[in-house]
């Protein structure tokens, strides 16, 4: 593969990952599993939604490298929680940023 092709592929991957991270949680997602404890059992659809959310912040379950498990999913969960805080509690996020700046 030549250098130009590698650069284009890298640029595309960067844009795709940035787009995935830029996607905001909807109000419905903010008030649903995995962000809100459930009163009943978790459904298959909810588990698939959680996996999609984890993948949107960089988790790759098919990477096949068990040496990184569970740190890779822990990192993705931390990123997902930060996304939740930013999207679902924007006033708290702004206040925290202002406090950190002072």
PDB file of N, CA and C in Angstrom:
ATOM      1  N   UNK A   1       0.862  -1.173   0.000  1.00  0.00           N
ATOM      2  CA  UNK A   1       0.000   0.000   0.000  1.00  0.00           C
ATOM      3  C   UNK A   1       0.904   1.232   0.000  1.00  0.00           C
ATOM      4  N   UNK A   2       0.618   2.157  -0.865  1.00  0.00           N
ATOM      5  CA  UNK A   2       1.484   3.331  -0.939  1.00  0.00           C
ATOM      6  C   UNK A   2       1.128   4.339   0.165  1.00  0.00           C
ATOM      7  N   UNK A   3       1.978   5.315   0.296  1.00  0.00           N
ATOM      8  CA  UNK A   3       1.847   6.290   1.369  1.00  0.00           C
ATOM      9  C   UNK A   3       0.552   7.100   1.277  1.00  0.00           C
ATOM     10  N   UNK A   4       0.175   7.497   0.081  1.00  0.00           N
ATOM     11  CA  UNK A   4      -1.045   8.289  -0.112  1.00  0.00           C
ATOM     12  C   UNK A   4      -2.272   7.498   0.316  1.00  0.00           C
ATOM     13  N   UNK A   5      -2.329   6.232  -0.052  1.00  0.00           N
ATOM     14  CA  UNK A   5      -3.459   5.392   0.342  1.00  0.00           C
ATOM     15  C   UNK A   5      -3.546   5.264   1.854  1.00  0.00           C
ATOM     16  N   UNK A   6      -2.411   5.052   2.495  1.00  0.00           N
ATOM     17  CA  UNK A   6      -2.407   4.943   3.952  1.00  0.00           C
ATOM     18  C   UNK A   6      -2.871   6.234   4.602  1.00  0.00           C
ATOM     19  N   UNK A   7      -2.462   7.370   4.051  1.00  0.00           N
ATOM     20  CA  UNK A   7      -2.878   8.651   4.615  1.00  0.00           C
ATOM     21  C   UNK A   7      -4.379   8.850   4.450  1.00  0.00           C
ATOM     22  N   UNK A   8      -4.918   8.481   3.296  1.00  0.00           N
ATOM     23  CA  UNK A   8      -6.361   8.614   3.068  1.00  0.00           C
ATOM     24  C   UNK A   8      -7.150   7.701   3.996  1.00  0.00           C
ATOM     25  N   UNK A   9      -6.685   6.485   4.171  1.00  0.00           N
ATOM     26  CA  UNK A   9      -7.364   5.548   5.074  1.00  0.00           C
ATOM     27  C   UNK A   9      -7.309   6.073   6.501  1.00  0.00           C
ATOM     28  N   UNK A  10      -6.166   6.586   6.914  1.00  0.00           N
ATOM     29  CA  UNK A  10      -6.034   7.142   8.262  1.00  0.00           C
ATOM     30  C   UNK A  10      -6.946   8.342   8.457  1.00  0.00           C
ATOM     31  N   UNK A  11      -7.022   9.202   7.454  1.00  0.00           N
ATOM     32  CA  UNK A  11      -7.891  10.374   7.546  1.00  0.00           C
ATOM     33  C   UNK A  11      -9.355   9.953   7.638  1.00  0.00           C
ATOM     34  N   UNK A  12      -9.742   8.967   6.840  1.00  0.00           N
ATOM     35  CA  UNK A  12     -11.115   8.476   6.886  1.00  0.00           C
ATOM     36  C   UNK A  12     -11.430   7.887   8.256  1.00  0.00           C
ATOM     37  N   UNK A  13     -10.513   7.104   8.808  1.00  0.00           N
ATOM     38  CA  UNK A  13     -10.725   6.508  10.125  1.00  0.00           C
ATOM     39  C   UNK A  13     -10.856   7.587  11.192  1.00  0.00           C
ATOM     40  N   UNK A  14     -10.065   8.643  11.095  1.00  0.00           N
ATOM     41  CA  UNK A  14     -10.141   9.735  12.058  1.00  0.00           C
ATOM     42  C   UNK A  14     -11.490  10.443  11.978  1.00  0.00           C
ATOM     43  N   UNK A  15     -11.956  10.717  10.771  1.00  0.00           N
ATOM     44  CA  UNK A  15     -13.250  11.367  10.594  1.00  0.00           C
ATOM     45  C   UNK A  15     -14.368  10.475  11.109  1.00  0.00           C
ATOM     46  N   UNK A  16     -14.305   9.196  10.809  1.00  0.00           N
ATOM     47  CA  UNK A  16     -15.345   8.264  11.259  1.00  0.00           C
ATOM     48  C   UNK A  16     -15.377   8.169  12.779  1.00  0.00           C
ATOM     49  N   UNK A  17     -14.216   8.095  13.422  1.00  0.00           N
ATOM     50  CA  UNK A  17     -14.198   7.990  14.882  1.00  0.00           C
ATOM     51  C   UNK A  17     -14.638   9.296  15.526  1.00  0.00           C
ATOM     52  N   UNK A  18     -14.285  10.424  14.950  1.00  0.00           N
ATOM     53  CA  UNK A  18     -14.713  11.714  15.472  1.00  0.00           C
ATOM     54  C   UNK A  18     -16.219  11.861  15.343  1.00  0.00           C
ATOM     55  N   UNK A  19     -16.774  11.410  14.232  1.00  0.00           N
ATOM     56  CA  UNK A  19     -18.223  11.472  14.038  1.00  0.00           C
ATOM     57  C   UNK A  19     -18.933  10.616  15.060  1.00  0.00           C
ATOM     58  N   UNK A  20     -18.397   9.448  15.351  1.00  0.00           N
ATOM     59  CA  UNK A  20     -19.030   8.568  16.331  1.00  0.00           C
ATOM     60  C   UNK A  20     -18.990   9.194  17.721  1.00  0.00           C
ATOM     61  N   UNK A  21     -17.881   9.829  18.062  1.00  0.00           N
ATOM     62  CA  UNK A  21     -17.781  10.456  19.378  1.00  0.00           C
ATOM     63  C   UNK A  21     -18.631  11.718  19.477  1.00  0.00           C
ATOM     64  N   UNK A  22     -18.873  12.366  18.346  1.00  0.00           N
ATOM     65  CA  UNK A  22     -19.635  13.600  18.353  1.00  0.00           C
ATOM     66  C   UNK A  22     -21.136  13.359  18.466  1.00  0.00           C
ATOM     67  N   UNK A  23     -21.580  12.146  18.204  1.00  0.00           N
ATOM     68  CA  UNK A  23     -23.011  11.840  18.287  1.00  0.00           C
ATOM     69  C   UNK A  23     -23.490  12.030  19.718  1.00  0.00           C
ATOM     70  N   UNK A  24     -24.539  12.803  19.860  1.00  0.00           N
ATOM     71  CA  UNK A  24     -25.065  13.098  21.185  1.00  0.00           C
ATOM     72  C   UNK A  24     -26.095  12.063  21.576  1.00  0.00           C
ATOM     73  N   UNK A  25     -26.191  11.828  22.882  1.00  0.00           N
ATOM     74  CA  UNK A  25     -27.232  10.960  23.401  1.00  0.00           C
ATOM     75  C   UNK A  25     -28.558  11.697  23.341  1.00  0.00           C
ATOM     76  N   UNK A  26     -29.601  10.977  23.001  1.00  0.00           N
ATOM     77  CA  UNK A  26     -30.933  11.576  22.968  1.00  0.00           C
ATOM     78  C   UNK A  26     -31.490  11.606  24.389  1.00  0.00           C
ATOM     79  N   UNK A  27     -32.505  12.444  24.651  1.00  0.00           N
ATOM     80  CA  UNK A  27     -33.127  12.442  25.977  1.00  0.00           C
ATOM     81  C   UNK A  27     -33.632  11.056  26.380  1.00  0.00           C
ATOM     82  N   UNK A  28     -34.166  10.304  25.419  1.00  0.00           N
ATOM     83  CA  UNK A  28     -34.643   8.954  25.734  1.00  0.00           C
ATOM     84  C   UNK A  28     -33.481   8.062  26.170  1.00  0.00           C
ATOM     85  N   UNK A  29     -32.342   8.160  25.487  1.00  0.00           N
ATOM     86  CA  UNK A  29     -31.180   7.367  25.849  1.00  0.00           C
ATOM     87  C   UNK A  29     -30.659   7.762  27.234  1.00  0.00           C
ATOM     88  N   UNK A  30     -30.768   9.044  27.567  1.00  0.00           N
ATOM     89  CA  UNK A  30     -30.311   9.518  28.873  1.00  0.00           C
ATOM     90  C   UNK A  30     -31.109   8.905  30.018  1.00  0.00           C
ATOM     91  N   UNK A  31     -32.349   8.547  29.741  1.00  0.00           N
ATOM     92  CA  UNK A  31     -33.230   8.026  30.793  1.00  0.00           C
ATOM     93  C   UNK A  31     -33.463   6.530  30.661  1.00  0.00           C
ATOM     94  N   UNK A  32     -32.561   5.840  29.964  1.00  0.00           N
ATOM     95  CA  UNK A  32     -32.713   4.408  29.751  1.00  0.00           C
ATOM     96  C   UNK A  32     -31.423   3.696  30.151  1.00  0.00           C
ATOM     97  N   UNK A  33     -31.488   2.384  30.188  1.00  0.00           N
ATOM     98  CA  UNK A  33     -30.333   1.537  30.437  1.00  0.00           C
ATOM     99  C   UNK A  33     -29.257   1.866  29.398  1.00  0.00           C
ATOM    100  N   UNK A  34     -27.994   1.913  29.707  1.00  0.00           N
ATOM    101  CA  UNK A  34     -27.311   1.539  30.933  1.00  0.00           C
ATOM    102  C   UNK A  34     -27.111   2.681  31.925  1.00  0.00           C
ATOM    103  N   UNK A  35     -27.696   3.841  31.657  1.00  0.00           N
ATOM    104  CA  UNK A  35     -27.461   5.003  32.501  1.00  0.00           C
ATOM    105  C   UNK A  35     -28.371   5.062  33.717  1.00  0.00           C
ATOM    106  N   UNK A  36     -29.510   4.389  33.662  1.00  0.00           N
ATOM    107  CA  UNK A  36     -30.478   4.405  34.750  1.00  0.00           C
ATOM    108  C   UNK A  36     -30.701   2.964  35.192  1.00  0.00           C
ATOM    109  N   UNK A  37     -30.577   2.688  36.490  1.00  0.00           N
ATOM    110  CA  UNK A  37     -30.827   1.321  36.968  1.00  0.00           C
ATOM    111  C   UNK A  37     -32.255   0.882  36.626  1.00  0.00           C
ATOM    112  N   UNK A  38     -32.373  -0.364  36.245  1.00  0.00           N
ATOM    113  CA  UNK A  38     -33.671  -0.903  35.870  1.00  0.00           C
ATOM    114  C   UNK A  38     -34.369  -1.548  37.060  1.00  0.00           C
ATOM    115  N   UNK A  39     -35.675  -1.589  36.989  1.00  0.00           N
ATOM    116  CA  UNK A  39     -36.453  -2.248  38.027  1.00  0.00           C
ATOM    117  C   UNK A  39     -36.665  -3.720  37.695  1.00  0.00           C
ATOM    118  N   UNK A  40     -36.546  -4.077  36.422  1.00  0.00           N
ATOM    119  CA  UNK A  40     -36.728  -5.458  35.982  1.00  0.00           C
ATOM    120  C   UNK A  40     -35.453  -5.997  35.365  1.00  0.00           C
ATOM    121  N   UNK A  41     -35.634  -7.062  34.589  1.00  0.00           N
ATOM    122  CA  UNK A  41     -34.491  -7.678  33.918  1.00  0.00           C
ATOM    123  C   UNK A  41     -34.072  -6.851  32.702  1.00  0.00           C
ATOM    124  N   UNK A  42     -32.803  -6.959  32.365  1.00  0.00           N
ATOM    125  CA  UNK A  42     -32.266  -6.294  31.184  1.00  0.00           C
ATOM    126  C   UNK A  42     -32.659  -7.140  29.970  1.00  0.00           C
ATOM    127  N   UNK A  43     -33.190  -6.488  28.945  1.00  0.00           N
ATOM    128  CA  UNK A  43     -33.582  -7.201  27.732  1.00  0.00           C
ATOM    129  C   UNK A  43     -32.406  -7.319  26.776  1.00  0.00           C
ATOM    130  N   UNK A  44     -32.552  -8.196  25.812  1.00  0.00           N
ATOM    131  CA  UNK A  44     -31.523  -8.355  24.789  1.00  0.00           C
ATOM    132  C   UNK A  44     -31.334  -7.042  24.024  1.00  0.00           C
ATOM    133  N   UNK A  45     -32.432  -6.384  23.701  1.00  0.00           N
ATOM    134  CA  UNK A  45     -32.356  -5.105  22.974  1.00  0.00           C
ATOM    135  C   UNK A  45     -31.574  -4.069  23.777  1.00  0.00           C
ATOM    136  N   UNK A  46     -31.764  -4.046  25.094  1.00  0.00           N
ATOM    137  CA  UNK A  46     -31.029  -3.103  25.935  1.00  0.00           C
ATOM    138  C   UNK A  46     -29.547  -3.438  25.966  1.00  0.00           C
ATOM    139  N   UNK A  47     -29.214  -4.707  26.026  1.00  0.00           N
ATOM    140  CA  UNK A  47     -27.804  -5.107  25.992  1.00  0.00           C
ATOM    141  C   UNK A  47     -27.158  -4.722  24.664  1.00  0.00           C
ATOM    142  N   UNK A  48     -27.883  -4.901  23.571  1.00  0.00           N
ATOM    143  CA  UNK A  48     -27.349  -4.522  22.266  1.00  0.00           C
ATOM    144  C   UNK A  48     -27.162  -3.004  22.194  1.00  0.00           C
ATOM    145  N   UNK A  49     -28.071  -2.246  22.781  1.00  0.00           N
ATOM    146  CA  UNK A  49     -27.936  -0.783  22.818  1.00  0.00           C
ATOM    147  C   UNK A  49     -26.693  -0.391  23.612  1.00  0.00           C
ATOM    148  N   UNK A  50     -26.477  -1.064  24.749  1.00  0.00           N
ATOM    149  CA  UNK A  50     -25.285  -0.765  25.550  1.00  0.00           C
ATOM    150  C   UNK A  50     -24.023  -1.064  24.754  1.00  0.00           C
ATOM    151  N   UNK A  51     -23.999  -2.179  24.055  1.00  0.00           N
ATOM    152  CA  UNK A  51     -22.830  -2.519  23.246  1.00  0.00           C
ATOM    153  C   UNK A  51     -22.597  -1.465  22.163  1.00  0.00           C
ATOM    154  N   UNK A  52     -23.659  -1.007  21.516  1.00  0.00           N
ATOM    155  CA  UNK A  52     -23.522   0.051  20.511  1.00  0.00           C
ATOM    156  C   UNK A  52     -22.964   1.329  21.129  1.00  0.00           C
ATOM    157  N   UNK A  53     -23.442   1.672  22.326  1.00  0.00           N
ATOM    158  CA  UNK A  53     -22.942   2.868  23.011  1.00  0.00           C
ATOM    159  C   UNK A  53     -21.457   2.708  23.339  1.00  0.00           C
ATOM    160  N   UNK A  54     -21.056   1.529  23.820  1.00  0.00           N
ATOM    161  CA  UNK A  54     -19.645   1.293  24.136  1.00  0.00           C
ATOM    162  C   UNK A  54     -18.785   1.351  22.871  1.00  0.00           C
ATOM    163  N   UNK A  55     -19.293   0.797  21.787  1.00  0.00           N
ATOM    164  CA  UNK A  55     -18.548   0.850  20.530  1.00  0.00           C
ATOM    165  C   UNK A  55     -18.426   2.283  20.021  1.00  0.00           C
ATOM    166  N   UNK A  56     -19.420   3.127  20.312  1.00  0.00           N
ATOM    167  CA  UNK A  56     -19.366   4.518  19.843  1.00  0.00           C
ATOM    168  C   UNK A  56     -18.259   5.308  20.522  1.00  0.00           C
ATOM    169  N   UNK A  57     -17.749   4.809  21.640  1.00  0.00           N
ATOM    170  CA  UNK A  57     -16.654   5.498  22.329  1.00  0.00           C
ATOM    171  C   UNK A  57     -15.344   4.709  22.247  1.00  0.00           C
ATOM    172  N   UNK A  58     -15.292   3.767  21.304  1.00  0.00           N
ATOM    173  CA  UNK A  58     -14.016   3.120  21.030  1.00  0.00           C
ATOM    174  C   UNK A  58     -13.855   1.673  21.423  1.00  0.00           C
ATOM    175  N   UNK A  59     -14.829   1.061  22.086  1.00  0.00           N
ATOM    176  CA  UNK A  59     -14.695  -0.345  22.471  1.00  0.00           C
ATOM    177  C   UNK A  59     -14.859  -1.228  21.251  1.00  0.00           C
ATOM    178  N   UNK A  60     -13.977  -2.213  21.107  1.00  0.00           N
ATOM    179  CA  UNK A  60     -14.033  -3.145  19.994  1.00  0.00           C
ATOM    180  C   UNK A  60     -14.041  -4.567  20.553  1.00  0.00           C
ATOM    181  N   UNK A  61     -15.238  -5.174  20.677  1.00  0.00           N
ATOM    182  CA  UNK A  61     -15.302  -6.510  21.272  1.00  0.00           C
ATOM    183  C   UNK A  61     -14.671  -7.590  20.410  1.00  0.00           C
ATOM    184  N   UNK A  62     -14.488  -7.337  19.149  1.00  0.00           N
ATOM    185  CA  UNK A  62     -13.922  -8.355  18.269  1.00  0.00           C
ATOM    186  C   UNK A  62     -12.422  -8.190  18.072  1.00  0.00           C
ATOM    187  N   UNK A  63     -11.794  -7.358  18.880  1.00  0.00           N
ATOM    188  CA  UNK A  63     -10.351  -7.143  18.730  1.00  0.00           C
ATOM    189  C   UNK A  63      -9.583  -8.439  18.946  1.00  0.00           C
ATOM    190  N   UNK A  64     -10.121  -9.321  19.791  1.00  0.00           N
ATOM    191  CA  UNK A  64      -9.510 -10.628  19.978  1.00  0.00           C
ATOM    192  C   UNK A  64      -8.287 -10.636  20.864  1.00  0.00           C
ATOM    193  N   UNK A  65      -7.970  -9.534  21.529  1.00  0.00           N
ATOM    194  CA  UNK A  65      -6.799  -9.487  22.396  1.00  0.00           C
ATOM    195  C   UNK A  65      -7.260  -9.507  23.847  1.00  0.00           C
ATOM    196  N   UNK A  66      -7.332 -10.688  24.417  1.00  0.00           N
ATOM    197  CA  UNK A  66      -7.807 -10.828  25.793  1.00  0.00           C
ATOM    198  C   UNK A  66      -6.850 -10.218  26.800  1.00  0.00           C
ATOM    199  N   UNK A  67      -5.630  -9.908  26.382  1.00  0.00           N
ATOM    200  CA  UNK A  67      -4.658  -9.306  27.295  1.00  0.00           C
ATOM    201  C   UNK A  67      -5.122  -7.924  27.755  1.00  0.00           C
ATOM    202  N   UNK A  68      -5.919  -7.242  26.931  1.00  0.00           N
ATOM    203  CA  UNK A  68      -6.401  -5.905  27.280  1.00  0.00           C
ATOM    204  C   UNK A  68      -7.719  -5.923  28.044  1.00  0.00           C
ATOM    205  N   UNK A  69      -8.361  -7.073  28.133  1.00  0.00           N
ATOM    206  CA  UNK A  69      -9.629  -7.157  28.849  1.00  0.00           C
ATOM    207  C   UNK A  69      -9.315  -7.335  30.324  1.00  0.00           C
ATOM    208  N   UNK A  70      -9.905  -6.666  31.240  1.00  0.00           N
ATOM    209  CA  UNK A  70     -11.054  -5.778  31.167  1.00  0.00           C
ATOM    210  C   UNK A  70     -10.695  -4.297  31.048  1.00  0.00           C
ATOM    211  N   UNK A  71      -9.413  -3.953  30.924  1.00  0.00           N
ATOM    212  CA  UNK A  71      -9.067  -2.529  30.883  1.00  0.00           C
ATOM    213  C   UNK A  71      -9.670  -1.821  29.684  1.00  0.00           C
ATOM    214  N   UNK A  72      -9.802  -2.518  28.547  1.00  0.00           N
ATOM    215  CA  UNK A  72     -10.365  -1.861  27.369  1.00  0.00           C
ATOM    216  C   UNK A  72     -11.842  -1.547  27.542  1.00  0.00           C
ATOM    217  N   UNK A  73     -12.589  -2.436  28.173  1.00  0.00           N
ATOM    218  CA  UNK A  73     -14.011  -2.148  28.390  1.00  0.00           C
ATOM    219  C   UNK A  73     -14.182  -1.140  29.527  1.00  0.00           C
ATOM    220  N   UNK A  74     -13.303  -1.191  30.519  1.00  0.00           N
ATOM    221  CA  UNK A  74     -13.358  -0.194  31.601  1.00  0.00           C
ATOM    222  C   UNK A  74     -13.130   1.209  31.044  1.00  0.00           C
ATOM    223  N   UNK A  75     -12.168   1.338  30.146  1.00  0.00           N
ATOM    224  CA  UNK A  75     -11.887   2.633  29.513  1.00  0.00           C
ATOM    225  C   UNK A  75     -13.093   3.109  28.714  1.00  0.00           C
ATOM    226  N   UNK A  76     -13.703   2.201  27.960  1.00  0.00           N
ATOM    227  CA  UNK A  76     -14.885   2.562  27.172  1.00  0.00           C
ATOM    228  C   UNK A  76     -16.036   2.966  28.089  1.00  0.00           C
ATOM    229  N   UNK A  77     -16.214   2.268  29.209  1.00  0.00           N
ATOM    230  CA  UNK A  77     -17.280   2.627  30.150  1.00  0.00           C
ATOM    231  C   UNK A  77     -17.039   4.010  30.745  1.00  0.00           C
ATOM    232  N   UNK A  78     -15.783   4.345  31.041  1.00  0.00           N
ATOM    233  CA  UNK A  78     -15.467   5.678  31.558  1.00  0.00           C
ATOM    234  C   UNK A  78     -15.766   6.746  30.513  1.00  0.00           C
ATOM    235  N   UNK A  79     -15.407   6.479  29.263  1.00  0.00           N
ATOM    236  CA  UNK A  79     -15.704   7.431  28.183  1.00  0.00           C
ATOM    237  C   UNK A  79     -17.210   7.584  28.001  1.00  0.00           C
ATOM    238  N   UNK A  80     -17.928   6.468  28.079  1.00  0.00           N
ATOM    239  CA  UNK A  80     -19.377   6.514  27.919  1.00  0.00           C
ATOM    240  C   UNK A  80     -20.018   7.287  29.061  1.00  0.00           C
ATOM    241  N   UNK A  81     -19.502   7.114  30.270  1.00  0.00           N
ATOM    242  CA  UNK A  81     -20.033   7.871  31.406  1.00  0.00           C
ATOM    243  C   UNK A  81     -19.772   9.368  31.226  1.00  0.00           C
ATOM    244  N   UNK A  82     -18.592   9.717  30.722  1.00  0.00           N
ATOM    245  CA  UNK A  82     -18.287  11.133  30.466  1.00  0.00           C
ATOM    246  C   UNK A  82     -19.217  11.692  29.393  1.00  0.00           C
ATOM    247  N   UNK A  83     -19.496  10.890  28.369  1.00  0.00           N
ATOM    248  CA  UNK A  83     -20.436  11.310  27.323  1.00  0.00           C
ATOM    249  C   UNK A  83     -21.824  11.513  27.920  1.00  0.00           C
ATOM    250  N   UNK A  84     -22.227  10.611  28.805  1.00  0.00           N
ATOM    251  CA  UNK A  84     -23.517  10.727  29.481  1.00  0.00           C
ATOM    252  C   UNK A  84     -23.573  12.027  30.286  1.00  0.00           C
ATOM    253  N   UNK A  85     -22.536  12.302  31.053  1.00  0.00           N
ATOM    254  CA  UNK A  85     -22.508  13.517  31.867  1.00  0.00           C
ATOM    255  C   UNK A  85     -22.592  14.773  30.999  1.00  0.00           C
ATOM    256  N   UNK A  86     -21.867  14.772  29.898  1.00  0.00           N
ATOM    257  CA  UNK A  86     -21.857  15.933  29.000  1.00  0.00           C
ATOM    258  C   UNK A  86     -23.210  16.125  28.319  1.00  0.00           C
ATOM    259  N   UNK A  87     -23.788  15.037  27.814  1.00  0.00           N
ATOM    260  CA  UNK A  87     -25.033  15.127  27.042  1.00  0.00           C
ATOM    261  C   UNK A  87     -26.281  15.199  27.910  1.00  0.00           C
ATOM    262  N   UNK A  88     -26.272  14.539  29.052  1.00  0.00           N
ATOM    263  CA  UNK A  88     -27.493  14.420  29.854  1.00  0.00           C
ATOM    264  C   UNK A  88     -27.539  15.395  31.022  1.00  0.00           C
ATOM    265  N   UNK A  89     -26.413  15.919  31.411  1.00  0.00           N
ATOM    266  CA  UNK A  89     -26.347  16.884  32.513  1.00  0.00           C
ATOM    267  C   UNK A  89     -25.463  18.058  32.105  1.00  0.00           C
ATOM    268  N   UNK A  90     -25.825  18.771  31.041  1.00  0.00           N
ATOM    269  CA  UNK A  90     -24.930  19.826  30.536  1.00  0.00           C
ATOM    270  C   UNK A  90     -24.671  20.938  31.545  1.00  0.00           C
ATOM    271  N   UNK A  91     -25.651  21.292  32.369  1.00  0.00           N
ATOM    272  CA  UNK A  91     -25.436  22.360  33.359  1.00  0.00           C
ATOM    273  C   UNK A  91     -24.390  21.929  34.383  1.00  0.00           C
ATOM    274  N   UNK A  92     -24.432  20.668  34.814  1.00  0.00           N
ATOM    275  CA  UNK A  92     -23.438  20.161  35.759  1.00  0.00           C
ATOM    276  C   UNK A  92     -22.052  20.159  35.124  1.00  0.00           C
ATOM    277  N   UNK A  93     -21.989  19.782  33.839  1.00  0.00           N
ATOM    278  CA  UNK A  93     -20.715  19.720  33.134  1.00  0.00           C
ATOM    279  C   UNK A  93     -20.102  21.120  33.007  1.00  0.00           C
ATOM    280  N   UNK A  94     -20.910  22.111  32.676  1.00  0.00           N
ATOM    281  CA  UNK A  94     -20.435  23.489  32.540  1.00  0.00           C
ATOM    282  C   UNK A  94     -19.954  23.997  33.890  1.00  0.00           C
ATOM    283  N   UNK A  95     -20.705  23.719  34.955  1.00  0.00           N
ATOM    284  CA  UNK A  95     -20.316  24.156  36.296  1.00  0.00           C
ATOM    285  C   UNK A  95     -18.997  23.519  36.719  1.00  0.00           C
ATOM    286  N   UNK A  96     -18.823  22.233  36.408  1.00  0.00           N
ATOM    287  CA  UNK A  96     -17.572  21.550  36.762  1.00  0.00           C
ATOM    288  C   UNK A  96     -16.392  22.142  36.000  1.00  0.00           C
ATOM    289  N   UNK A  97     -16.597  22.434  34.721  1.00  0.00           N
ATOM    290  CA  UNK A  97     -15.525  23.039  33.923  1.00  0.00           C
ATOM    291  C   UNK A  97     -15.178  24.427  34.445  1.00  0.00           C
ATOM    292  N   UNK A  98     -16.186  25.208  34.840  1.00  0.00           N
ATOM    293  CA  UNK A  98     -15.938  26.541  35.377  1.00  0.00           C
ATOM    294  C   UNK A  98     -15.198  26.463  36.713  1.00  0.00           C
ATOM    295  N   UNK A  99     -15.559  25.503  37.549  1.00  0.00           N
ATOM    296  CA  UNK A  99     -14.884  25.332  38.838  1.00  0.00           C
ATOM    297  C   UNK A  99     -13.421  24.920  38.633  1.00  0.00           C
ATOM    298  N   UNK A 100     -13.184  24.067  37.644  1.00  0.00           N
ATOM    299  CA  UNK A 100     -11.827  23.615  37.372  1.00  0.00           C
ATOM    300  C   UNK A 100     -10.961  24.735  36.811  1.00  0.00           C
ATOM    301  N   UNK A 101     -11.585  25.648  36.086  1.00  0.00           N
ATOM    302  CA  UNK A 101     -10.846  26.759  35.485  1.00  0.00           C
ATOM    303  C   UNK A 101     -10.440  27.804  36.541  1.00  0.00           C
ATOM    304  N   UNK A 102     -11.198  27.875  37.635  1.00  0.00           N
ATOM    305  CA  UNK A 102     -10.903  28.894  38.675  1.00  0.00           C
ATOM    306  C   UNK A 102      -9.895  28.416  39.656  1.00  0.00           C
TER     307      UNK A 102
END
